[in-house]
Structure formats: C-alpha cells, structure tokens
Amino acid sequence: MYKTTTDTESFEPFLMDGTKAGEVHWITPGVSGIWRVLPGQLPEETPYEFEKPETIHVLEGSVTITTEDGESVDLRPGDIAAYSQGVKSTWHFRMPFRKLFIHA
C-alpha cells in the first residue's frame, strides 16, 4: 500500500526532451502521477507523442486533443480518455490544467 498527498511542494519539474513541460507528482515513478501545467509553463498549443499507452483523467481545466489522423476530443474535469503508444497529437490547453495519468 502506498499513500501520497498532492500538496504544492510535492510537484517537481516534468521534462520532455530536456525542457520543462509542466510539473508532475509521481504516484508510481514512471507509471502514474498527477501532471499539471500553469499559465506560462507551456504554449496553449503543444505537440505530444504518447510514448507509452496512457489513460488520462482530467482533474482541472480542459484540453482539446487532436491526433495526427484528425480525430479530436474535448476533455473537461471528470472526463477519461485512453491513447495507444505512438499516437502523435496536439494538445490545446485551457489553463491551469491538471490530469491523473497512468501508463500501462
């Protein structure tokens, strides 16, 4: 059993290709956590490739995810979506944004 709290001090920089891309609070390092992005931390339109299969649950803010094949989905707090490894997408954020993610 593992218990954690997501207070402000528990977040650390999340790096993509060596560049800060929001902040993460790891629940299980490398597998699951809470990721957040605040205004000014990322462009409102950001490309993202799912390097692992990923399930996301939006906790705060909203995002429109458009995949390379043109499929688009709007996600708001409470919405859940799952993506396969290798899917290329563009995220259009309404910040602040926070999601629970699980790589499986």
Foldseek 3Di string as FASTA:
>chain_A
DADDDDDPVQWDFDDDPNAGQFIWRDRPPPFKTKGWDAPPRDPLKAKDAAQAWKKKAWQAWKKWKAWPVGDIDIHHHGDMDIDHHGIIIIIRTDPGTMMIMGGD
